[in-house]
Amino acid sequence: MARASCCAPGHQDSWGRYAAAQWLNTRRWLDAHPGDEPAGQLRAELAAAPARHARYQRQYLGWGVFVLMDR
């Protein structure tokens, strides 16, 4: 039951919005603090996170999620 509710479309949509909000906040922080010590590590994480998120979500959303990725 928990897995079914976890994988419901509404839950996936809210998780996707949560992840996108994190990426946006990270991007804004990087724009405001380009020379700070963790900036390089955060840029690398921001570059990899959307693809990793899509790979993880593929099992729930299907292959169509890759159409949304800008590659």
C-alpha atoms as a PDB file:
ATOM      1  CA  MET A   1       0.000   0.000   0.000  1.00  0.00           C
ATOM      2  CA  ALA A   2       2.780   2.447   0.884  1.00  0.00           C
ATOM      3  CA  ARG A   3       4.554   1.749  -2.405  1.00  0.00           C
ATOM      4  CA  ALA A   4       1.343   2.277  -4.362  1.00  0.00           C
ATOM      5  CA  SER A   5       0.703   5.640  -2.716  1.00  0.00           C
ATOM      6  CA  CYS A   6       4.363   6.605  -3.044  1.00  0.00           C
ATOM      7  CA  CYS A   7       4.260   5.956  -6.774  1.00  0.00           C
ATOM      8  CA  ALA A   8       0.911   7.617  -7.443  1.00  0.00           C
ATOM      9  CA  PRO A   9       1.047  10.311 -10.152  1.00  0.00           C
ATOM     10  CA  GLY A  10       0.291  13.107  -7.678  1.00  0.00           C
ATOM     11  CA  HIS A  11       3.150  12.072  -5.423  1.00  0.00           C
ATOM     12  CA  GLN A  12       5.595  11.876  -8.351  1.00  0.00           C
ATOM     13  CA  ASP A  13       4.514  15.323  -9.522  1.00  0.00           C
ATOM     14  CA  SER A  14       5.078  16.825  -6.085  1.00  0.00           C
ATOM     15  CA  TRP A  15       8.471  15.093  -5.787  1.00  0.00           C
ATOM     16  CA  GLY A  16       9.468  16.407  -9.228  1.00  0.00           C
ATOM     17  CA  ARG A  17       8.480  19.928  -8.196  1.00  0.00           C
ATOM     18  CA  TYR A  18      10.421  19.574  -4.973  1.00  0.00           C
ATOM     19  CA  ALA A  19      13.552  18.484  -6.857  1.00  0.00           C
ATOM     20  CA  ALA A  20      13.140  21.283  -9.410  1.00  0.00           C
ATOM     21  CA  ALA A  21      12.789  23.826  -6.598  1.00  0.00           C
ATOM     22  CA  GLN A  22      16.022  22.555  -5.043  1.00  0.00           C
ATOM     23  CA  TRP A  23      17.833  22.885  -8.367  1.00  0.00           C
ATOM     24  CA  LEU A  24      16.479  26.410  -8.846  1.00  0.00           C
ATOM     25  CA  ASN A  25      17.593  27.443  -5.358  1.00  0.00           C
ATOM     26  CA  THR A  26      21.020  25.963  -5.994  1.00  0.00           C
ATOM     27  CA  ARG A  27      21.289  27.812  -9.313  1.00  0.00           C
ATOM     28  CA  ARG A  28      20.300  31.097  -7.654  1.00  0.00           C
ATOM     29  CA  TRP A  29      22.844  30.571  -4.892  1.00  0.00           C
ATOM     30  CA  LEU A  30      25.558  29.820  -7.450  1.00  0.00           C
ATOM     31  CA  ASP A  31      24.679  32.976  -9.375  1.00  0.00           C
ATOM     32  CA  ALA A  32      24.947  35.037  -6.192  1.00  0.00           C
ATOM     33  CA  HIS A  33      28.119  33.311  -4.857  1.00  0.00           C
ATOM     34  CA  PRO A  34      30.183  32.193  -7.866  1.00  0.00           C
ATOM     35  CA  GLY A  35      33.521  32.223  -6.050  1.00  0.00           C
ATOM     36  CA  ASP A  36      32.533  30.532  -2.797  1.00  0.00           C
ATOM     37  CA  GLU A  37      34.365  27.371  -1.810  1.00  0.00           C
ATOM     38  CA  PRO A  38      31.509  24.858  -2.415  1.00  0.00           C
ATOM     39  CA  ALA A  39      30.503  26.417  -5.759  1.00  0.00           C
ATOM     40  CA  GLY A  40      32.471  23.950  -7.897  1.00  0.00           C
ATOM     41  CA  GLN A  41      31.032  20.948  -6.115  1.00  0.00           C
ATOM     42  CA  LEU A  42      27.508  22.377  -6.311  1.00  0.00           C
ATOM     43  CA  ARG A  43      27.897  23.052 -10.051  1.00  0.00           C
ATOM     44  CA  ALA A  44      28.927  19.435 -10.602  1.00  0.00           C
ATOM     45  CA  GLU A  45      25.991  18.197  -8.530  1.00  0.00           C
ATOM     46  CA  LEU A  46      23.588  20.484 -10.381  1.00  0.00           C
ATOM     47  CA  ALA A  47      24.888  19.195 -13.714  1.00  0.00           C
ATOM     48  CA  ALA A  48      24.344  15.538 -12.730  1.00  0.00           C
ATOM     49  CA  ALA A  49      21.192  15.741 -10.590  1.00  0.00           C
ATOM     50  CA  PRO A  50      18.506  16.100 -13.312  1.00  0.00           C
ATOM     51  CA  ALA A  51      19.775  13.085 -15.281  1.00  0.00           C
ATOM     52  CA  ARG A  52      20.096  11.022 -12.096  1.00  0.00           C
ATOM     53  CA  HIS A  53      16.586  12.074 -11.067  1.00  0.00           C
ATOM     54  CA  ALA A  54      15.220  11.071 -14.481  1.00  0.00           C
ATOM     55  CA  ARG A  55      16.943   7.678 -14.366  1.00  0.00           C
ATOM     56  CA  TYR A  56      15.499   6.983 -10.931  1.00  0.00           C
ATOM     57  CA  GLN A  57      12.038   8.186 -11.925  1.00  0.00           C
ATOM     58  CA  ARG A  58      11.992   6.212 -15.197  1.00  0.00           C
ATOM     59  CA  GLN A  59      10.730   3.102 -13.441  1.00  0.00           C
ATOM     60  CA  TYR A  60       7.665   5.063 -12.317  1.00  0.00           C
ATOM     61  CA  LEU A  61       7.138   7.427 -15.242  1.00  0.00           C
ATOM     62  CA  GLY A  62       8.306   5.319 -18.185  1.00  0.00           C
ATOM     63  CA  TRP A  63      10.602   6.293 -21.034  1.00  0.00           C
ATOM     64  CA  GLY A  64       8.622   9.434 -21.854  1.00  0.00           C
ATOM     65  CA  VAL A  65      10.459  11.327 -19.113  1.00  0.00           C
ATOM     66  CA  PHE A  66      13.569  11.415 -21.310  1.00  0.00           C
ATOM     67  CA  VAL A  67      11.717  13.482 -23.885  1.00  0.00           C
ATOM     68  CA  LEU A  68      11.585  16.283 -21.321  1.00  0.00           C
ATOM     69  CA  MET A  69      15.354  16.354 -20.769  1.00  0.00           C
ATOM     70  CA  ASP A  70      17.408  18.941 -22.604  1.00  0.00           C
ATOM     71  CA  ARG A  71      20.441  16.982 -23.803  1.00  0.00           C
END
